[in-house]
């Protein structure tokens, strides 16, 4: 049985940092790879259409120079596709845009105020959306941030 992660009982505020909780995806049995592949640019969608499940690639950490194995689809999405023009548009639904912002920035935690500045949406609306009863795309408060 998966270990339950306990979150703080303190209600998140506009200064609470959020990020994508990748463990949420595995625990909720959602198909993370299907969603990620759908976000790839057309060129990479073709490249990864025949790739094996969970294909890993070598990645060099720019800070430590340590070589790590990372998921190939996730890596190319974050390092290339998420930086392409049109990855986030003014017409992208807010929840999808928030998810895409975290992909584009390498999942660096951000506050609703930070997200509001990038999305041109009210920070309190973003906070209410992210702290409602439903978890959208695995975006959750970052308790250790």
N, C-alpha and C. Protein backbone atom coordinates (compact mmCIF):
# COMPACT_ATOMS: atom_id res chain seq x y z
N UNK A 1 0.84 -1.18 0.00
CA UNK A 1 0.00 0.00 0.00
C UNK A 1 0.89 1.24 0.00
N UNK A 2 0.58 2.24 -0.86
CA UNK A 2 1.44 3.42 -0.92
C UNK A 2 1.39 4.22 0.38
N UNK A 3 2.53 4.78 0.72
CA UNK A 3 2.62 5.58 1.93
C UNK A 3 1.88 6.89 1.69
N UNK A 4 1.05 7.30 2.64
CA UNK A 4 0.32 8.55 2.52
C UNK A 4 1.21 9.70 2.95
N UNK A 5 1.22 10.74 2.15
CA UNK A 5 1.98 11.93 2.48
C UNK A 5 1.04 12.89 3.21
N UNK A 6 1.46 13.34 4.35
CA UNK A 6 0.63 14.27 5.12
C UNK A 6 1.04 15.69 4.77
N UNK A 7 0.03 16.51 4.52
CA UNK A 7 0.26 17.90 4.22
C UNK A 7 -0.13 18.75 5.43
N UNK A 8 0.41 19.91 5.49
CA UNK A 8 0.13 20.82 6.59
C UNK A 8 -1.35 21.15 6.64
N UNK A 9 -1.84 21.35 7.84
CA UNK A 9 -3.23 21.76 8.01
C UNK A 9 -3.38 23.27 7.86
N UNK A 10 -2.28 23.97 7.69
CA UNK A 10 -2.31 25.41 7.48
C UNK A 10 -2.79 25.68 6.06
N UNK A 11 -3.79 26.51 5.94
CA UNK A 11 -4.35 26.83 4.62
C UNK A 11 -3.34 27.62 3.80
N UNK A 12 -3.10 27.22 2.55
CA UNK A 12 -2.16 27.95 1.70
C UNK A 12 -2.61 29.40 1.48
N UNK A 13 -1.63 30.26 1.31
CA UNK A 13 -1.87 31.69 1.09
C UNK A 13 -1.29 32.10 -0.26
N UNK A 14 -1.37 33.38 -0.56
CA UNK A 14 -0.81 33.89 -1.81
C UNK A 14 0.71 33.74 -1.86
N UNK A 15 1.33 33.53 -0.70
CA UNK A 15 2.79 33.37 -0.64
C UNK A 15 3.22 31.91 -0.57
N UNK A 16 2.28 30.98 -0.56
CA UNK A 16 2.60 29.55 -0.56
C UNK A 16 3.12 29.15 -1.92
N UNK A 17 4.20 28.39 -1.93
CA UNK A 17 4.75 27.92 -3.20
C UNK A 17 4.09 26.61 -3.61
N UNK A 18 3.87 26.47 -4.92
CA UNK A 18 3.27 25.28 -5.50
C UNK A 18 4.22 24.73 -6.54
N UNK A 19 3.99 23.47 -6.89
CA UNK A 19 4.74 22.81 -7.97
C UNK A 19 3.97 21.56 -8.36
N UNK A 20 4.43 20.89 -9.43
CA UNK A 20 3.82 19.63 -9.84
C UNK A 20 4.34 18.55 -8.90
N UNK A 21 3.43 17.81 -8.31
CA UNK A 21 3.78 16.69 -7.43
C UNK A 21 3.75 15.43 -8.29
N UNK A 22 4.91 14.98 -8.74
CA UNK A 22 4.98 13.83 -9.64
C UNK A 22 4.52 12.55 -8.95
N UNK A 23 4.64 12.47 -7.63
CA UNK A 23 4.15 11.30 -6.89
C UNK A 23 2.62 11.21 -6.98
N UNK A 24 1.95 12.36 -7.05
CA UNK A 24 0.49 12.36 -7.18
C UNK A 24 0.06 11.60 -8.43
N UNK A 25 0.82 11.78 -9.51
CA UNK A 25 0.47 11.10 -10.75
C UNK A 25 0.54 9.59 -10.58
N UNK A 26 1.58 9.08 -9.94
CA UNK A 26 1.70 7.63 -9.79
C UNK A 26 0.68 7.09 -8.79
N UNK A 27 0.38 7.84 -7.76
CA UNK A 27 -0.58 7.38 -6.76
C UNK A 27 -2.01 7.46 -7.25
N UNK A 28 -2.29 8.39 -8.14
CA UNK A 28 -3.67 8.53 -8.62
C UNK A 28 -3.91 7.69 -9.87
N UNK A 29 -2.88 6.94 -10.29
CA UNK A 29 -2.97 6.03 -11.42
C UNK A 29 -3.34 6.74 -12.73
N UNK A 30 -2.96 7.96 -12.88
CA UNK A 30 -3.22 8.69 -14.12
C UNK A 30 -2.05 8.44 -15.06
N UNK A 31 -2.35 8.46 -16.34
CA UNK A 31 -1.30 8.17 -17.32
C UNK A 31 -0.54 9.45 -17.67
N UNK A 32 0.49 9.69 -16.93
CA UNK A 32 1.35 10.86 -17.06
C UNK A 32 1.94 10.96 -18.46
N UNK A 33 2.39 9.84 -18.99
CA UNK A 33 3.07 9.84 -20.30
C UNK A 33 2.15 10.25 -21.43
N UNK A 34 0.89 9.85 -21.39
CA UNK A 34 -0.05 10.23 -22.45
C UNK A 34 -0.22 11.74 -22.47
N UNK A 35 -0.39 12.33 -21.29
CA UNK A 35 -0.53 13.79 -21.21
C UNK A 35 0.72 14.48 -21.72
N UNK A 36 1.89 14.03 -21.26
CA UNK A 36 3.15 14.66 -21.69
C UNK A 36 3.35 14.54 -23.19
N UNK A 37 3.09 13.37 -23.75
CA UNK A 37 3.28 13.18 -25.19
C UNK A 37 2.36 14.10 -25.98
N UNK A 38 1.17 14.36 -25.45
CA UNK A 38 0.25 15.27 -26.12
C UNK A 38 0.72 16.71 -26.11
N UNK A 39 1.63 17.06 -25.21
CA UNK A 39 2.16 18.42 -25.11
C UNK A 39 3.44 18.63 -25.92
N UNK A 40 4.00 17.54 -26.45
CA UNK A 40 5.22 17.66 -27.25
C UNK A 40 4.94 18.43 -28.53
N UNK A 41 5.96 19.11 -29.04
CA UNK A 41 5.84 19.78 -30.34
C UNK A 41 5.66 18.70 -31.41
N UNK A 42 5.12 19.06 -32.59
CA UNK A 42 4.87 18.04 -33.62
C UNK A 42 6.08 17.19 -33.97
N UNK A 43 7.26 17.79 -34.06
CA UNK A 43 8.46 17.04 -34.40
C UNK A 43 8.76 15.97 -33.36
N UNK A 44 8.70 16.34 -32.08
CA UNK A 44 8.99 15.38 -31.02
C UNK A 44 7.86 14.37 -30.83
N UNK A 45 6.63 14.73 -31.18
CA UNK A 45 5.56 13.74 -31.12
C UNK A 45 5.86 12.60 -32.09
N UNK A 46 6.37 12.94 -33.27
CA UNK A 46 6.73 11.90 -34.24
C UNK A 46 7.89 11.06 -33.71
N UNK A 47 8.90 11.72 -33.16
CA UNK A 47 10.08 11.01 -32.66
C UNK A 47 9.70 10.04 -31.55
N UNK A 48 8.84 10.46 -30.64
CA UNK A 48 8.49 9.63 -29.49
C UNK A 48 7.26 8.75 -29.72
N UNK A 49 6.68 8.80 -30.90
CA UNK A 49 5.48 7.98 -31.14
C UNK A 49 5.77 6.49 -31.05
N UNK A 50 6.97 6.08 -31.39
CA UNK A 50 7.34 4.66 -31.34
C UNK A 50 8.30 4.34 -30.20
N UNK A 51 8.52 5.32 -29.33
CA UNK A 51 9.46 5.10 -28.22
C UNK A 51 8.86 4.15 -27.20
N UNK A 52 9.73 3.41 -26.58
CA UNK A 52 9.26 2.48 -25.54
C UNK A 52 8.83 3.26 -24.30
N UNK A 53 7.96 2.66 -23.55
CA UNK A 53 7.45 3.26 -22.32
C UNK A 53 8.61 3.56 -21.37
N UNK A 54 8.68 4.79 -20.89
CA UNK A 54 9.68 5.14 -19.90
C UNK A 54 11.10 5.20 -20.43
N UNK A 55 11.28 5.54 -21.72
CA UNK A 55 12.62 5.62 -22.29
C UNK A 55 13.42 6.68 -21.53
N UNK A 56 14.57 6.29 -21.02
CA UNK A 56 15.40 7.17 -20.22
C UNK A 56 16.54 7.73 -21.06
N UNK A 57 16.95 8.96 -20.72
CA UNK A 57 18.08 9.60 -21.40
C UNK A 57 19.03 10.15 -20.34
N UNK A 58 20.29 10.36 -20.71
CA UNK A 58 21.26 10.96 -19.81
C UNK A 58 21.06 12.47 -19.80
N UNK A 59 21.11 13.05 -18.61
CA UNK A 59 20.98 14.49 -18.46
C UNK A 59 22.08 14.95 -17.52
N UNK A 60 22.73 16.05 -17.86
CA UNK A 60 23.81 16.59 -17.04
C UNK A 60 23.26 17.77 -16.25
N UNK A 61 23.31 17.65 -14.92
CA UNK A 61 22.86 18.72 -14.04
C UNK A 61 23.78 19.92 -14.26
N UNK A 62 23.22 21.09 -14.65
CA UNK A 62 24.07 22.25 -14.93
C UNK A 62 24.78 22.81 -13.71
N UNK A 63 24.31 22.51 -12.53
CA UNK A 63 24.93 23.03 -11.30
C UNK A 63 26.03 22.10 -10.81
N UNK A 64 25.72 20.78 -10.73
CA UNK A 64 26.67 19.84 -10.15
C UNK A 64 27.48 19.06 -11.18
N UNK A 65 27.08 19.12 -12.43
CA UNK A 65 27.70 18.36 -13.54
C UNK A 65 27.50 16.86 -13.38
N UNK A 66 26.61 16.47 -12.48
CA UNK A 66 26.29 15.06 -12.28
C UNK A 66 25.41 14.57 -13.43
N UNK A 67 25.70 13.40 -13.95
CA UNK A 67 24.90 12.79 -15.00
C UNK A 67 23.81 11.95 -14.35
N UNK A 68 22.56 12.22 -14.76
CA UNK A 68 21.43 11.50 -14.20
C UNK A 68 20.59 10.92 -15.33
N UNK A 69 19.89 9.84 -15.04
CA UNK A 69 18.94 9.26 -15.98
C UNK A 69 17.58 9.92 -15.72
N UNK A 70 16.98 10.49 -16.78
CA UNK A 70 15.67 11.11 -16.66
C UNK A 70 14.76 10.58 -17.77
N UNK A 71 13.46 10.69 -17.56
CA UNK A 71 12.49 10.28 -18.56
C UNK A 71 12.68 11.12 -19.83
N UNK A 72 12.82 10.46 -20.97
CA UNK A 72 13.11 11.14 -22.23
C UNK A 72 12.02 12.10 -22.66
N UNK A 73 10.77 11.70 -22.55
CA UNK A 73 9.66 12.58 -22.95
C UNK A 73 9.61 13.80 -22.05
N UNK A 74 9.72 13.59 -20.75
CA UNK A 74 9.69 14.71 -19.81
C UNK A 74 10.87 15.66 -20.09
N UNK A 75 12.03 15.10 -20.34
CA UNK A 75 13.22 15.92 -20.58
C UNK A 75 13.07 16.79 -21.83
N UNK A 76 12.67 16.20 -22.94
CA UNK A 76 12.56 16.97 -24.18
C UNK A 76 11.42 17.98 -24.09
N UNK A 77 10.37 17.63 -23.36
CA UNK A 77 9.27 18.57 -23.18
C UNK A 77 9.74 19.80 -22.42
N UNK A 78 10.46 19.57 -21.32
CA UNK A 78 10.91 20.69 -20.49
C UNK A 78 12.01 21.50 -21.16
N UNK A 79 12.95 20.83 -21.81
CA UNK A 79 14.10 21.55 -22.38
C UNK A 79 13.86 22.13 -23.76
N UNK A 80 12.86 21.62 -24.48
CA UNK A 80 12.64 22.13 -25.83
C UNK A 80 11.20 22.59 -26.07
N UNK A 81 10.28 21.66 -26.04
CA UNK A 81 8.90 21.93 -26.46
C UNK A 81 8.22 23.02 -25.63
N UNK A 82 8.46 23.03 -24.32
CA UNK A 82 7.84 24.02 -23.44
C UNK A 82 8.38 25.42 -23.69
N UNK A 83 9.48 25.53 -24.41
CA UNK A 83 10.07 26.83 -24.70
C UNK A 83 9.65 27.35 -26.08
N UNK A 84 8.91 26.53 -26.82
CA UNK A 84 8.45 26.92 -28.15
C UNK A 84 7.34 27.96 -28.05
N UNK A 85 7.31 28.85 -29.03
CA UNK A 85 6.24 29.84 -29.10
C UNK A 85 4.91 29.10 -29.25
N UNK A 86 3.92 29.53 -28.53
CA UNK A 86 2.60 28.91 -28.60
C UNK A 86 2.37 27.80 -27.60
N UNK A 87 3.37 27.47 -26.78
CA UNK A 87 3.18 26.43 -25.76
C UNK A 87 2.12 26.88 -24.76
N UNK A 88 2.15 28.16 -24.42
CA UNK A 88 1.12 28.77 -23.58
C UNK A 88 0.60 29.98 -24.34
N UNK A 89 -0.70 30.03 -24.53
CA UNK A 89 -1.31 31.16 -25.23
C UNK A 89 -2.32 31.83 -24.30
N UNK A 90 -2.81 33.01 -24.67
CA UNK A 90 -3.85 33.65 -23.85
C UNK A 90 -5.14 32.82 -23.79
N UNK A 91 -5.30 31.90 -24.73
CA UNK A 91 -6.51 31.07 -24.78
C UNK A 91 -6.35 29.73 -24.06
N UNK A 92 -5.17 29.45 -23.54
CA UNK A 92 -4.95 28.21 -22.79
C UNK A 92 -5.73 28.30 -21.48
N UNK A 93 -6.48 27.25 -21.16
CA UNK A 93 -7.24 27.22 -19.91
C UNK A 93 -6.28 27.46 -18.74
N UNK A 94 -6.76 28.13 -17.71
CA UNK A 94 -5.89 28.53 -16.59
C UNK A 94 -5.17 27.33 -15.96
N UNK A 95 -5.88 26.25 -15.69
CA UNK A 95 -5.26 25.09 -15.06
C UNK A 95 -4.18 24.51 -15.96
N UNK A 96 -4.46 24.41 -17.25
CA UNK A 96 -3.46 23.90 -18.19
C UNK A 96 -2.28 24.86 -18.30
N UNK A 97 -2.55 26.15 -18.28
CA UNK A 97 -1.47 27.14 -18.37
C UNK A 97 -0.56 27.06 -17.15
N UNK A 98 -1.14 26.90 -15.97
CA UNK A 98 -0.34 26.76 -14.75
C UNK A 98 0.55 25.52 -14.85
N UNK A 99 -0.02 24.41 -15.26
CA UNK A 99 0.74 23.17 -15.43
C UNK A 99 1.88 23.39 -16.43
N UNK A 100 1.59 24.04 -17.53
CA UNK A 100 2.61 24.29 -18.56
C UNK A 100 3.70 25.23 -18.08
N UNK A 101 3.35 26.19 -17.24
CA UNK A 101 4.36 27.10 -16.68
C UNK A 101 5.36 26.29 -15.86
N UNK A 102 4.85 25.37 -15.04
CA UNK A 102 5.76 24.55 -14.23
C UNK A 102 6.63 23.65 -15.11
N UNK A 103 6.08 23.13 -16.19
CA UNK A 103 6.90 22.33 -17.11
C UNK A 103 7.97 23.20 -17.75
N UNK A 104 7.59 24.40 -18.17
CA UNK A 104 8.52 25.29 -18.87
C UNK A 104 9.65 25.78 -17.95
N UNK A 105 9.35 25.91 -16.64
CA UNK A 105 10.41 26.41 -15.75
C UNK A 105 11.15 25.29 -15.03
N UNK A 106 10.93 24.04 -15.46
CA UNK A 106 11.61 22.92 -14.82
C UNK A 106 11.03 22.55 -13.47
N UNK A 107 9.77 22.92 -13.24
CA UNK A 107 9.04 22.61 -12.01
C UNK A 107 9.60 23.34 -10.79
N UNK A 108 10.14 24.53 -11.02
CA UNK A 108 10.59 25.37 -9.90
C UNK A 108 9.34 25.90 -9.19
N UNK A 109 9.25 25.74 -7.87
CA UNK A 109 8.06 26.19 -7.15
C UNK A 109 7.78 27.68 -7.33
N UNK A 110 6.49 27.99 -7.46
CA UNK A 110 6.04 29.37 -7.63
C UNK A 110 4.83 29.63 -6.75
N UNK A 111 4.65 30.88 -6.37
CA UNK A 111 3.48 31.29 -5.59
C UNK A 111 2.35 31.67 -6.55
N UNK A 112 1.12 31.77 -6.06
CA UNK A 112 0.04 32.27 -6.90
C UNK A 112 0.33 33.68 -7.44
N UNK A 113 1.05 34.48 -6.66
CA UNK A 113 1.42 35.82 -7.12
C UNK A 113 2.37 35.72 -8.32
N UNK A 114 3.34 34.82 -8.24
CA UNK A 114 4.27 34.60 -9.36
C UNK A 114 3.51 34.14 -10.61
N UNK A 115 2.60 33.19 -10.41
CA UNK A 115 1.80 32.66 -11.53
C UNK A 115 0.91 33.74 -12.13
N UNK A 116 0.33 34.59 -11.27
CA UNK A 116 -0.54 35.66 -11.73
C UNK A 116 0.20 36.63 -12.65
N UNK A 117 1.45 36.90 -12.30
CA UNK A 117 2.25 37.81 -13.12
C UNK A 117 2.49 37.24 -14.52
N UNK A 118 2.64 35.93 -14.61
CA UNK A 118 2.88 35.29 -15.90
C UNK A 118 1.60 35.08 -16.70
N UNK A 119 0.48 34.89 -16.00
CA UNK A 119 -0.77 34.56 -16.67
C UNK A 119 -1.69 35.76 -16.88
N UNK A 120 -1.36 36.86 -16.23
CA UNK A 120 -2.23 38.04 -16.27
C UNK A 120 -3.63 37.70 -15.77
N UNK A 121 -3.67 36.95 -14.67
CA UNK A 121 -4.91 36.56 -13.99
C UNK A 121 -4.77 36.93 -12.52
N UNK A 122 -5.88 37.13 -11.82
CA UNK A 122 -5.79 37.49 -10.39
C UNK A 122 -5.19 36.36 -9.55
N UNK A 123 -4.28 36.72 -8.67
CA UNK A 123 -3.61 35.75 -7.81
C UNK A 123 -4.61 35.03 -6.90
N UNK A 124 -5.63 35.74 -6.41
CA UNK A 124 -6.59 35.09 -5.52
C UNK A 124 -7.43 34.05 -6.26
N UNK A 125 -7.69 34.26 -7.54
CA UNK A 125 -8.40 33.26 -8.35
C UNK A 125 -7.54 32.02 -8.53
N UNK A 126 -6.26 32.23 -8.78
CA UNK A 126 -5.32 31.11 -8.93
C UNK A 126 -5.25 30.33 -7.62
N UNK A 127 -5.14 31.04 -6.49
CA UNK A 127 -5.07 30.38 -5.19
C UNK A 127 -6.33 29.56 -4.93
N UNK A 128 -7.50 30.14 -5.18
CA UNK A 128 -8.75 29.40 -4.95
C UNK A 128 -8.82 28.15 -5.83
N UNK A 129 -8.35 28.25 -7.05
CA UNK A 129 -8.37 27.10 -7.96
C UNK A 129 -7.44 26.00 -7.46
N UNK A 130 -6.25 26.38 -7.04
CA UNK A 130 -5.25 25.39 -6.62
C UNK A 130 -5.52 24.80 -5.24
N UNK A 131 -6.36 25.45 -4.44
CA UNK A 131 -6.62 24.95 -3.08
C UNK A 131 -8.05 24.46 -2.90
N UNK A 132 -8.77 24.33 -3.99
CA UNK A 132 -10.12 23.78 -3.90
C UNK A 132 -10.05 22.30 -3.57
N UNK A 133 -11.16 21.64 -3.63
CA UNK A 133 -11.21 20.23 -3.26
C UNK A 133 -10.57 19.29 -4.26
N UNK A 134 -10.22 19.76 -5.42
CA UNK A 134 -9.67 18.91 -6.48
C UNK A 134 -8.23 19.29 -6.79
N UNK A 135 -7.40 18.28 -7.06
CA UNK A 135 -6.01 18.53 -7.46
C UNK A 135 -5.98 18.52 -8.99
N UNK A 136 -5.54 19.63 -9.57
CA UNK A 136 -5.47 19.75 -11.02
C UNK A 136 -4.06 19.47 -11.51
N UNK A 137 -3.94 18.48 -12.37
CA UNK A 137 -2.67 18.14 -13.03
C UNK A 137 -1.54 17.92 -12.03
N UNK A 138 -1.85 17.55 -10.80
CA UNK A 138 -0.82 17.27 -9.81
C UNK A 138 -0.19 18.48 -9.19
N UNK A 139 -0.73 19.68 -9.47
CA UNK A 139 -0.16 20.91 -8.90
C UNK A 139 -0.65 21.03 -7.46
N UNK A 140 0.32 21.00 -6.55
CA UNK A 140 0.01 21.01 -5.12
C UNK A 140 0.97 21.92 -4.38
N UNK A 141 0.60 22.30 -3.15
CA UNK A 141 1.55 23.09 -2.33
C UNK A 141 2.84 22.30 -2.13
N UNK A 142 3.91 23.02 -2.03
CA UNK A 142 5.23 22.43 -1.83
C UNK A 142 5.59 22.59 -0.36
N UNK A 143 5.34 21.56 0.44
CA UNK A 143 5.54 21.69 1.89
C UNK A 143 6.97 21.96 2.30
N UNK A 144 7.94 21.50 1.53
CA UNK A 144 9.34 21.69 1.93
C UNK A 144 9.97 22.94 1.32
N UNK A 145 9.18 23.74 0.63
CA UNK A 145 9.73 24.96 -0.01
C UNK A 145 9.64 26.15 0.90
